[in-house]
Amino acid sequence: MPTFKLIEIAETKLRLDNEEAVLVDTRDAQSYAADHAEGAFNLNNDTLKEFLDKVEFDTPVFVVCYHGNSSKGVAQYLAEQGYEDTYSVEGGMAMWRQLFPMT
């Protein structure tokens, strides 16, 4: 069974800056609208088909949520759909904001 890996925020940011990859934000639309990392895709039931159609299976996918817990389930789901390089970002957006304040 395919599975996801855990990744720290600093490494996630470095990889997003240096390679073609996708950051998936699984928080609710209101939280995403209030603040999100630049370029993040807000993945939810309404946008899942768009994501599956748009993102190739060999693209690294980094999943972030509020605190790094629910992103694990989403990362596992995406791995099971065929995404080969899938990660759950430890610490979530709460930690992301501390390391990389939103502007």
PDB file of N, CA and C in Angstrom:
ATOM      1  N   MET A   1       0.839  -1.182   0.000  1.00  0.00           N
ATOM      2  CA  MET A   1       0.000   0.000   0.000  1.00  0.00           C
ATOM      3  C   MET A   1       0.886   1.248   0.000  1.00  0.00           C
ATOM      4  N   PRO A   2       0.660   2.153  -0.931  1.00  0.00           N
ATOM      5  CA  PRO A   2       1.447   3.396  -0.942  1.00  0.00           C
ATOM      6  C   PRO A   2       1.166   4.224   0.317  1.00  0.00           C
ATOM      7  N   THR A   3       2.149   4.966   0.739  1.00  0.00           N
ATOM      8  CA  THR A   3       1.972   5.782   1.928  1.00  0.00           C
ATOM      9  C   THR A   3       2.698   7.110   1.775  1.00  0.00           C
ATOM     10  N   PHE A   4       2.425   8.025   2.694  1.00  0.00           N
ATOM     11  CA  PHE A   4       3.035   9.348   2.697  1.00  0.00           C
ATOM     12  C   PHE A   4       4.228   9.360   3.640  1.00  0.00           C
ATOM     13  N   LYS A   5       4.987  10.449   3.603  1.00  0.00           N
ATOM     14  CA  LYS A   5       6.108  10.665   4.505  1.00  0.00           C
ATOM     15  C   LYS A   5       5.850  11.947   5.296  1.00  0.00           C
ATOM     16  N   LEU A   6       6.505  12.097   6.427  1.00  0.00           N
ATOM     17  CA  LEU A   6       6.451  13.329   7.212  1.00  0.00           C
ATOM     18  C   LEU A   6       7.594  14.233   6.770  1.00  0.00           C
ATOM     19  N   ILE A   7       7.365  15.548   6.824  1.00  0.00           N
ATOM     20  CA  ILE A   7       8.394  16.501   6.434  1.00  0.00           C
ATOM     21  C   ILE A   7       8.266  17.747   7.308  1.00  0.00           C
ATOM     22  N   GLU A   8       9.395  18.326   7.647  1.00  0.00           N
ATOM     23  CA  GLU A   8       9.399  19.547   8.443  1.00  0.00           C
ATOM     24  C   GLU A   8       9.137  20.755   7.544  1.00  0.00           C
ATOM     25  N   ILE A   9       8.673  21.826   8.152  1.00  0.00           N
ATOM     26  CA  ILE A   9       8.288  23.020   7.397  1.00  0.00           C
ATOM     27  C   ILE A   9       9.467  23.637   6.652  1.00  0.00           C
ATOM     28  N   ALA A  10      10.609  23.760   7.293  1.00  0.00           N
ATOM     29  CA  ALA A  10      11.766  24.384   6.635  1.00  0.00           C
ATOM     30  C   ALA A  10      12.156  23.611   5.376  1.00  0.00           C
ATOM     31  N   GLU A  11      12.147  22.288   5.448  1.00  0.00           N
ATOM     32  CA  GLU A  11      12.479  21.486   4.268  1.00  0.00           C
ATOM     33  C   GLU A  11      11.396  21.622   3.202  1.00  0.00           C
ATOM     34  N   THR A  12      10.150  21.687   3.629  1.00  0.00           N
ATOM     35  CA  THR A  12       9.049  21.889   2.685  1.00  0.00           C
ATOM     36  C   THR A  12       9.246  23.186   1.915  1.00  0.00           C
ATOM     37  N   LYS A  13       9.495  24.265   2.639  1.00  0.00           N
ATOM     38  CA  LYS A  13       9.671  25.583   2.009  1.00  0.00           C
ATOM     39  C   LYS A  13      10.845  25.553   1.038  1.00  0.00           C
ATOM     40  N   LEU A  14      11.943  24.935   1.444  1.00  0.00           N
ATOM     41  CA  LEU A  14      13.127  24.831   0.587  1.00  0.00           C
ATOM     42  C   LEU A  14      12.795  24.080  -0.700  1.00  0.00           C
ATOM     43  N   ARG A  15      12.104  22.968  -0.580  1.00  0.00           N
ATOM     44  CA  ARG A  15      11.758  22.184  -1.765  1.00  0.00           C
ATOM     45  C   ARG A  15      10.765  22.929  -2.656  1.00  0.00           C
ATOM     46  N   LEU A  16       9.800  23.616  -2.063  1.00  0.00           N
ATOM     47  CA  LEU A  16       8.853  24.398  -2.868  1.00  0.00           C
ATOM     48  C   LEU A  16       9.556  25.510  -3.628  1.00  0.00           C
ATOM     49  N   ASP A  17      10.582  26.091  -3.019  1.00  0.00           N
ATOM     50  CA  ASP A  17      11.333  27.171  -3.659  1.00  0.00           C
ATOM     51  C   ASP A  17      12.247  26.667  -4.771  1.00  0.00           C
ATOM     52  N   ASN A  18      12.623  25.371  -4.734  1.00  0.00           N
ATOM     53  CA  ASN A  18      13.662  24.866  -5.628  1.00  0.00           C
ATOM     54  C   ASN A  18      13.234  23.788  -6.612  1.00  0.00           C
ATOM     55  N   GLU A  19      11.992  23.383  -6.572  1.00  0.00           N
ATOM     56  CA  GLU A  19      11.549  22.358  -7.517  1.00  0.00           C
ATOM     57  C   GLU A  19      10.063  22.531  -7.799  1.00  0.00           C
ATOM     58  N   GLU A  20       9.616  21.877  -8.843  1.00  0.00           N
ATOM     59  CA  GLU A  20       8.198  21.921  -9.164  1.00  0.00           C
ATOM     60  C   GLU A  20       7.472  20.999  -8.196  1.00  0.00           C
ATOM     61  N   ALA A  21       6.671  21.573  -7.343  1.00  0.00           N
ATOM     62  CA  ALA A  21       5.937  20.833  -6.322  1.00  0.00           C
ATOM     63  C   ALA A  21       4.676  21.613  -5.993  1.00  0.00           C
ATOM     64  N   VAL A  22       3.767  20.979  -5.255  1.00  0.00           N
ATOM     65  CA  VAL A  22       2.502  21.614  -4.906  1.00  0.00           C
ATOM     66  C   VAL A  22       2.316  21.572  -3.398  1.00  0.00           C
ATOM     67  N   LEU A  23       1.934  22.723  -2.840  1.00  0.00           N
ATOM     68  CA  LEU A  23       1.540  22.790  -1.443  1.00  0.00           C
ATOM     69  C   LEU A  23       0.020  22.761  -1.400  1.00  0.00           C
ATOM     70  N   VAL A  24      -0.527  21.797  -0.675  1.00  0.00           N
ATOM     71  CA  VAL A  24      -1.962  21.629  -0.539  1.00  0.00           C
ATOM     72  C   VAL A  24      -2.357  22.069   0.868  1.00  0.00           C
ATOM     73  N   ASP A  25      -3.271  23.004   0.959  1.00  0.00           N
ATOM     74  CA  ASP A  25      -3.775  23.513   2.239  1.00  0.00           C
ATOM     75  C   ASP A  25      -5.171  22.942   2.433  1.00  0.00           C
ATOM     76  N   THR A  26      -5.354  22.132   3.472  1.00  0.00           N
ATOM     77  CA  THR A  26      -6.635  21.445   3.669  1.00  0.00           C
ATOM     78  C   THR A  26      -7.545  22.139   4.670  1.00  0.00           C
ATOM     79  N   ARG A  27      -7.158  23.321   5.108  1.00  0.00           N
ATOM     80  CA  ARG A  27      -8.012  24.038   6.061  1.00  0.00           C
ATOM     81  C   ARG A  27      -9.292  24.519   5.368  1.00  0.00           C
ATOM     82  N   ASP A  28     -10.272  24.886   6.179  1.00  0.00           N
ATOM     83  CA  ASP A  28     -11.537  25.356   5.608  1.00  0.00           C
ATOM     84  C   ASP A  28     -11.307  26.624   4.781  1.00  0.00           C
ATOM     85  N   ALA A  29     -12.228  26.909   3.889  1.00  0.00           N
ATOM     86  CA  ALA A  29     -12.089  28.029   2.947  1.00  0.00           C
ATOM     87  C   ALA A  29     -11.906  29.365   3.654  1.00  0.00           C
ATOM     88  N   GLN A  30     -12.582  29.556   4.776  1.00  0.00           N
ATOM     89  CA  GLN A  30     -12.472  30.823   5.506  1.00  0.00           C
ATOM     90  C   GLN A  30     -11.061  31.014   6.077  1.00  0.00           C
ATOM     91  N   SER A  31     -10.494  29.963   6.658  1.00  0.00           N
ATOM     92  CA  SER A  31      -9.128  30.046   7.194  1.00  0.00           C
ATOM     93  C   SER A  31      -8.122  30.242   6.069  1.00  0.00           C
ATOM     94  N   TYR A  32      -8.324  29.525   4.971  1.00  0.00           N
ATOM     95  CA  TYR A  32      -7.444  29.667   3.807  1.00  0.00           C
ATOM     96  C   TYR A  32      -7.505  31.096   3.267  1.00  0.00           C
ATOM     97  N   ALA A  33      -8.711  31.664   3.187  1.00  0.00           N
ATOM     98  CA  ALA A  33      -8.871  33.031   2.676  1.00  0.00           C
ATOM     99  C   ALA A  33      -8.197  34.049   3.592  1.00  0.00           C
ATOM    100  N   ALA A  34      -8.209  33.791   4.890  1.00  0.00           N
ATOM    101  CA  ALA A  34      -7.619  34.725   5.858  1.00  0.00           C
ATOM    102  C   ALA A  34      -6.099  34.769   5.729  1.00  0.00           C
ATOM    103  N   ASP A  35      -5.466  33.621   5.508  1.00  0.00           N
ATOM    104  CA  ASP A  35      -4.026  33.564   5.269  1.00  0.00           C
ATOM    105  C   ASP A  35      -3.638  32.173   4.796  1.00  0.00           C
ATOM    106  N   HIS A  36      -2.707  32.139   3.890  1.00  0.00           N
ATOM    107  CA  HIS A  36      -2.167  30.874   3.395  1.00  0.00           C
ATOM    108  C   HIS A  36      -0.800  31.137   2.768  1.00  0.00           C
ATOM    109  N   ALA A  37      -0.030  30.092   2.675  1.00  0.00           N
ATOM    110  CA  ALA A  37       1.281  30.214   2.042  1.00  0.00           C
ATOM    111  C   ALA A  37       1.084  30.497   0.549  1.00  0.00           C
ATOM    112  N   GLU A  38       1.964  31.305   0.025  1.00  0.00           N
ATOM    113  CA  GLU A  38       1.873  31.699  -1.386  1.00  0.00           C
ATOM    114  C   GLU A  38       1.852  30.468  -2.286  1.00  0.00           C
ATOM    115  N   GLY A  39       0.886  30.442  -3.193  1.00  0.00           N
ATOM    116  CA  GLY A  39       0.787  29.367  -4.169  1.00  0.00           C
ATOM    117  C   GLY A  39       0.084  28.117  -3.678  1.00  0.00           C
ATOM    118  N   ALA A  40      -0.364  28.093  -2.431  1.00  0.00           N
ATOM    119  CA  ALA A  40      -1.018  26.904  -1.882  1.00  0.00           C
ATOM    120  C   ALA A  40      -2.366  26.662  -2.563  1.00  0.00           C
ATOM    121  N   PHE A  41      -2.676  25.405  -2.795  1.00  0.00           N
ATOM    122  CA  PHE A  41      -3.950  24.993  -3.382  1.00  0.00           C
ATOM    123  C   PHE A  41      -4.871  24.591  -2.240  1.00  0.00           C
ATOM    124  N   ASN A  42      -6.047  25.203  -2.138  1.00  0.00           N
ATOM    125  CA  ASN A  42      -6.996  24.867  -1.079  1.00  0.00           C
ATOM    126  C   ASN A  42      -7.777  23.626  -1.500  1.00  0.00           C
ATOM    127  N   LEU A  43      -7.395  22.485  -0.927  1.00  0.00           N
ATOM    128  CA  LEU A  43      -8.010  21.209  -1.282  1.00  0.00           C
ATOM    129  C   LEU A  43      -9.146  20.881  -0.327  1.00  0.00           C
ATOM    130  N   ASN A  44     -10.312  20.649  -0.902  1.00  0.00           N
ATOM    131  CA  ASN A  44     -11.478  20.214  -0.137  1.00  0.00           C
ATOM    132  C   ASN A  44     -12.337  19.363  -1.064  1.00  0.00           C
ATOM    133  N   ASN A  45     -13.471  18.913  -0.590  1.00  0.00           N
ATOM    134  CA  ASN A  45     -14.321  18.057  -1.417  1.00  0.00           C
ATOM    135  C   ASN A  45     -14.724  18.734  -2.722  1.00  0.00           C
ATOM    136  N   ASP A  46     -14.907  20.045  -2.694  1.00  0.00           N
ATOM    137  CA  ASP A  46     -15.325  20.779  -3.890  1.00  0.00           C
ATOM    138  C   ASP A  46     -14.202  20.964  -4.902  1.00  0.00           C
ATOM    139  N   THR A  47     -12.945  20.945  -4.454  1.00  0.00           N
ATOM    140  CA  THR A  47     -11.818  21.203  -5.365  1.00  0.00           C
ATOM    141  C   THR A  47     -11.007  19.944  -5.677  1.00  0.00           C
ATOM    142  N   LEU A  48     -11.408  18.798  -5.130  1.00  0.00           N
ATOM    143  CA  LEU A  48     -10.642  17.562  -5.320  1.00  0.00           C
ATOM    144  C   LEU A  48     -10.519  17.184  -6.789  1.00  0.00           C
ATOM    145  N   LYS A  49     -11.619  17.212  -7.531  1.00  0.00           N
ATOM    146  CA  LYS A  49     -11.564  16.837  -8.952  1.00  0.00           C
ATOM    147  C   LYS A  49     -10.617  17.758  -9.716  1.00  0.00           C
ATOM    148  N   GLU A  50     -10.685  19.059  -9.451  1.00  0.00           N
ATOM    149  CA  GLU A  50      -9.790  20.014 -10.104  1.00  0.00           C
ATOM    150  C   GLU A  50      -8.324  19.669  -9.806  1.00  0.00           C
ATOM    151  N   PHE A  51      -8.041  19.348  -8.543  1.00  0.00           N
ATOM    152  CA  PHE A  51      -6.683  18.986  -8.157  1.00  0.00           C
ATOM    153  C   PHE A  51      -6.221  17.729  -8.895  1.00  0.00           C
ATOM    154  N   LEU A  52      -7.054  16.699  -8.892  1.00  0.00           N
ATOM    155  CA  LEU A  52      -6.700  15.443  -9.560  1.00  0.00           C
ATOM    156  C   LEU A  52      -6.481  15.641 -11.055  1.00  0.00           C
ATOM    157  N   ASP A  53      -7.256  16.523 -11.664  1.00  0.00           N
ATOM    158  CA  ASP A  53      -7.116  16.800 -13.093  1.00  0.00           C
ATOM    159  C   ASP A  53      -5.867  17.628 -13.395  1.00  0.00           C
ATOM    160  N   LYS A  54      -5.487  18.476 -12.464  1.00  0.00           N
ATOM    161  CA  LYS A  54      -4.439  19.474 -12.700  1.00  0.00           C
ATOM    162  C   LYS A  54      -3.031  18.990 -12.321  1.00  0.00           C
ATOM    163  N   VAL A  55      -2.911  18.197 -11.268  1.00  0.00           N
ATOM    164  CA  VAL A  55      -1.601  17.849 -10.719  1.00  0.00           C
ATOM    165  C   VAL A  55      -1.219  16.428 -11.132  1.00  0.00           C
ATOM    166  N   GLU A  56      -0.062  16.320 -11.794  1.00  0.00           N
ATOM    167  CA  GLU A  56       0.453  15.019 -12.250  1.00  0.00           C
ATOM    168  C   GLU A  56       0.858  14.150 -11.062  1.00  0.00           C
ATOM    169  N   PHE A  57       0.754  12.831 -11.234  1.00  0.00           N
ATOM    170  CA  PHE A  57       1.056  11.900 -10.149  1.00  0.00           C
ATOM    171  C   PHE A  57       2.522  11.900  -9.726  1.00  0.00           C
ATOM    172  N   ASP A  58       3.422  12.359 -10.590  1.00  0.00           N
ATOM    173  CA  ASP A  58       4.842  12.377 -10.208  1.00  0.00           C
ATOM    174  C   ASP A  58       5.274  13.707  -9.590  1.00  0.00           C
ATOM    175  N   THR A  59       4.333  14.623  -9.388  1.00  0.00           N
ATOM    176  CA  THR A  59       4.621  15.910  -8.750  1.00  0.00           C
ATOM    177  C   THR A  59       4.656  15.727  -7.232  1.00  0.00           C
ATOM    178  N   PRO A  60       5.717  16.189  -6.557  1.00  0.00           N
ATOM    179  CA  PRO A  60       5.718  16.129  -5.096  1.00  0.00           C
ATOM    180  C   PRO A  60       4.569  16.963  -4.533  1.00  0.00           C
ATOM    181  N   VAL A  61       3.850  16.402  -3.543  1.00  0.00           N
ATOM    182  CA  VAL A  61       2.702  17.059  -2.933  1.00  0.00           C
ATOM    183  C   VAL A  61       2.944  17.162  -1.432  1.00  0.00           C
ATOM    184  N   PHE A  62       2.887  18.394  -0.923  1.00  0.00           N
ATOM    185  CA  PHE A  62       3.073  18.670   0.498  1.00  0.00           C
ATOM    186  C   PHE A  62       1.724  19.116   1.058  1.00  0.00           C
ATOM    187  N   VAL A  63       1.214  18.396   2.035  1.00  0.00           N
ATOM    188  CA  VAL A  63      -0.117  18.665   2.587  1.00  0.00           C
ATOM    189  C   VAL A  63       0.022  19.338   3.944  1.00  0.00           C
ATOM    190  N   VAL A  64      -0.621  20.504   4.091  1.00  0.00           N
ATOM    191  CA  VAL A  64      -0.588  21.248   5.348  1.00  0.00           C
ATOM    192  C   VAL A  64      -2.018  21.479   5.831  1.00  0.00           C
ATOM    193  N   CYS A  65      -2.194  21.425   7.157  1.00  0.00           N
ATOM    194  CA  CYS A  65      -3.498  21.679   7.765  1.00  0.00           C
ATOM    195  C   CYS A  65      -3.293  22.707   8.876  1.00  0.00           C
ATOM    196  N   TYR A  66      -4.088  22.648   9.915  1.00  0.00           N
ATOM    197  CA  TYR A  66      -3.963  23.598  11.028  1.00  0.00           C
ATOM    198  C   TYR A  66      -2.713  23.333  11.872  1.00  0.00           C
ATOM    199  N   HIS A  67      -2.570  22.080  12.356  1.00  0.00           N
ATOM    200  CA  HIS A  67      -1.485  21.753  13.289  1.00  0.00           C
ATOM    201  C   HIS A  67      -0.661  20.535  12.874  1.00  0.00           C
ATOM    202  N   GLY A  68      -0.927  19.955  11.721  1.00  0.00           N
ATOM    203  CA  GLY A  68      -0.144  18.816  11.252  1.00  0.00           C
ATOM    204  C   GLY A  68      -0.751  17.464  11.566  1.00  0.00           C
ATOM    205  N   ASN A  69      -2.021  17.424  11.942  1.00  0.00           N
ATOM    206  CA  ASN A  69      -2.663  16.145  12.255  1.00  0.00           C
ATOM    207  C   ASN A  69      -3.553  15.648  11.115  1.00  0.00           C
ATOM    208  N   SER A  70      -4.542  16.430  10.726  1.00  0.00           N
ATOM    209  CA  SER A  70      -5.468  15.973   9.683  1.00  0.00           C
ATOM    210  C   SER A  70      -4.791  15.887   8.313  1.00  0.00           C
ATOM    211  N   SER A  71      -3.680  16.577   8.137  1.00  0.00           N
ATOM    212  CA  SER A  71      -2.957  16.495   6.864  1.00  0.00           C
ATOM    213  C   SER A  71      -2.454  15.082   6.604  1.00  0.00           C
ATOM    214  N   LYS A  72      -2.237  14.306   7.644  1.00  0.00           N
ATOM    215  CA  LYS A  72      -1.758  12.924   7.475  1.00  0.00           C
ATOM    216  C   LYS A  72      -2.790  12.086   6.735  1.00  0.00           C
ATOM    217  N   GLY A  73      -4.054  12.221   7.092  1.00  0.00           N
ATOM    218  CA  GLY A  73      -5.104  11.471   6.408  1.00  0.00           C
ATOM    219  C   GLY A  73      -5.241  11.874   4.951  1.00  0.00           C
ATOM    220  N   VAL A  74      -5.140  13.161   4.685  1.00  0.00           N
ATOM    221  CA  VAL A  74      -5.234  13.652   3.304  1.00  0.00           C
ATOM    222  C   VAL A  74      -4.018  13.190   2.495  1.00  0.00           C
ATOM    223  N   ALA A  75      -2.836  13.271   3.095  1.00  0.00           N
ATOM    224  CA  ALA A  75      -1.622  12.816   2.402  1.00  0.00           C
ATOM    225  C   ALA A  75      -1.723  11.328   2.086  1.00  0.00           C
ATOM    226  N   GLN A  76      -2.242  10.540   3.022  1.00  0.00           N
ATOM    227  CA  GLN A  76      -2.414   9.099   2.779  1.00  0.00           C
ATOM    228  C   GLN A  76      -3.408   8.868   1.645  1.00  0.00           C
ATOM    229  N   TYR A  77      -4.503   9.604   1.650  1.00  0.00           N
ATOM    230  CA  TYR A  77      -5.503   9.471   0.586  1.00  0.00           C
ATOM    231  C   TYR A  77      -4.878   9.780  -0.777  1.00  0.00           C
ATOM    232  N   LEU A  78      -4.113  10.865  -0.862  1.00  0.00           N
ATOM    233  CA  LEU A  78      -3.491  11.236  -2.136  1.00  0.00           C
ATOM    234  C   LEU A  78      -2.477  10.185  -2.580  1.00  0.00           C
ATOM    235  N   ALA A  79      -1.736   9.625  -1.639  1.00  0.00           N
ATOM    236  CA  ALA A  79      -0.795   8.551  -1.980  1.00  0.00           C
ATOM    237  C   ALA A  79      -1.551   7.352  -2.551  1.00  0.00           C
ATOM    238  N   GLU A  80      -2.680   7.030  -1.958  1.00  0.00           N
ATOM    239  CA  GLU A  80      -3.485   5.906  -2.439  1.00  0.00           C
ATOM    240  C   GLU A  80      -4.110   6.186  -3.805  1.00  0.00           C
ATOM    241  N   GLN A  81      -4.289   7.460  -4.164  1.00  0.00           N
ATOM    242  CA  GLN A  81      -4.817   7.817  -5.480  1.00  0.00           C
ATOM    243  C   GLN A  81      -3.753   7.702  -6.567  1.00  0.00           C
ATOM    244  N   GLY A  82      -2.474   7.593  -6.153  1.00  0.00           N
ATOM    245  CA  GLY A  82      -1.400   7.422  -7.126  1.00  0.00           C
ATOM    246  C   GLY A  82      -0.301   8.459  -7.055  1.00  0.00           C
ATOM    247  N   TYR A  83      -0.405   9.435  -6.161  1.00  0.00           N
ATOM    248  CA  TYR A  83       0.667  10.425  -6.031  1.00  0.00           C
ATOM    249  C   TYR A  83       1.872   9.748  -5.389  1.00  0.00           C
ATOM    250  N   GLU A  84       2.999   9.802  -6.101  1.00  0.00           N
ATOM    251  CA  GLU A  84       4.170   9.006  -5.753  1.00  0.00           C
ATOM    252  C   GLU A  84       5.036   9.611  -4.658  1.00  0.00           C
ATOM    253  N   ASP A  85       4.959  10.917  -4.461  1.00  0.00           N
ATOM    254  CA  ASP A  85       5.860  11.630  -3.548  1.00  0.00           C
ATOM    255  C   ASP A  85       5.012  12.570  -2.691  1.00  0.00           C
ATOM    256  N   THR A  86       4.369  12.019  -1.663  1.00  0.00           N
ATOM    257  CA  THR A  86       3.377  12.745  -0.882  1.00  0.00           C
ATOM    258  C   THR A  86       3.844  12.888   0.566  1.00  0.00           C
ATOM    259  N   TYR A  87       3.652  14.099   1.118  1.00  0.00           N
ATOM    260  CA  TYR A  87       4.148  14.417   2.462  1.00  0.00           C
ATOM    261  C   TYR A  87       3.065  15.100   3.288  1.00  0.00           C
ATOM    262  N   SER A  88       3.115  14.851   4.590  1.00  0.00           N
ATOM    263  CA  SER A  88       2.336  15.608   5.562  1.00  0.00           C
ATOM    264  C   SER A  88       3.309  16.558   6.256  1.00  0.00           C
ATOM    265  N   VAL A  89       2.980  17.844   6.254  1.00  0.00           N
ATOM    266  CA  VAL A  89       3.865  18.866   6.814  1.00  0.00           C
ATOM    267  C   VAL A  89       3.643  18.945   8.327  1.00  0.00           C
ATOM    268  N   GLU A  90       4.688  18.639   9.074  1.00  0.00           N
ATOM    269  CA  GLU A  90       4.601  18.637  10.534  1.00  0.00           C
ATOM    270  C   GLU A  90       4.464  20.064  11.078  1.00  0.00           C
ATOM    271  N   GLY A  91       3.569  20.233  12.043  1.00  0.00           N
ATOM    272  CA  GLY A  91       3.362  21.536  12.671  1.00  0.00           C
ATOM    273  C   GLY A  91       2.274  22.370  12.041  1.00  0.00           C
ATOM    274  N   GLY A  92       1.895  22.058  10.807  1.00  0.00           N
ATOM    275  CA  GLY A  92       0.807  22.751  10.134  1.00  0.00           C
ATOM    276  C   GLY A  92       1.026  24.248   9.968  1.00  0.00           C
ATOM    277  N   MET A  93      -0.069  24.936   9.638  1.00  0.00           N
ATOM    278  CA  MET A  93       0.010  26.383   9.403  1.00  0.00           C
ATOM    279  C   MET A  93       0.329  27.155  10.673  1.00  0.00           C
ATOM    280  N   ALA A  94      -0.016  26.619  11.833  1.00  0.00           N
ATOM    281  CA  ALA A  94       0.330  27.299  13.085  1.00  0.00           C
ATOM    282  C   ALA A  94       1.843  27.466  13.189  1.00  0.00           C
ATOM    283  N   MET A  95       2.584  26.419  12.904  1.00  0.00           N
ATOM    284  CA  MET A  95       4.047  26.479  12.952  1.00  0.00           C
ATOM    285  C   MET A  95       4.600  27.240  11.738  1.00  0.00           C
ATOM    286  N   TRP A  96       3.965  27.066  10.579  1.00  0.00           N
ATOM    287  CA  TRP A  96       4.419  27.754   9.355  1.00  0.00           C
ATOM    288  C   TRP A  96       4.443  29.264   9.597  1.00  0.00           C
ATOM    289  N   ARG A  97       3.372  29.793  10.205  1.00  0.00           N
ATOM    290  CA  ARG A  97       3.289  31.234  10.489  1.00  0.00           C
ATOM    291  C   ARG A  97       4.427  31.694  11.393  1.00  0.00           C
ATOM    292  N   GLN A  98       4.830  30.861  12.331  1.00  0.00           N
ATOM    293  CA  GLN A  98       5.927  31.225  13.247  1.00  0.00           C
ATOM    294  C   GLN A  98       7.255  31.294  12.496  1.00  0.00           C
ATOM    295  N   LEU A  99       7.484  30.336  11.599  1.00  0.00           N
ATOM    296  CA  LEU A  99       8.748  30.285  10.868  1.00  0.00           C
ATOM    297  C   LEU A  99       8.778  31.248   9.677  1.00  0.00           C
ATOM    298  N   PHE A 100       7.644  31.382   9.012  1.00  0.00           N
ATOM    299  CA  PHE A 100       7.547  32.216   7.813  1.00  0.00           C
ATOM    300  C   PHE A 100       6.308  33.099   7.942  1.00  0.00           C
ATOM    301  N   PRO A 101       6.392  34.217   8.672  1.00  0.00           N
ATOM    302  CA  PRO A 101       5.217  35.077   8.874  1.00  0.00           C
ATOM    303  C   PRO A 101       4.586  35.496   7.542  1.00  0.00           C
ATOM    304  N   MET A 102       3.250  35.534   7.551  1.00  0.00           N
ATOM    305  CA  MET A 102       2.507  35.937   6.356  1.00  0.00           C
ATOM    306  C   MET A 102       2.630  37.456   6.199  1.00  0.00           C
ATOM    307  N   THR A 103       2.705  37.899   4.950  1.00  0.00           N
ATOM    308  CA  THR A 103       2.813  39.341   4.699  1.00  0.00           C
ATOM    309  C   THR A 103       1.485  39.878   4.217  1.00  0.00           C
TER     310      THR A 103
END
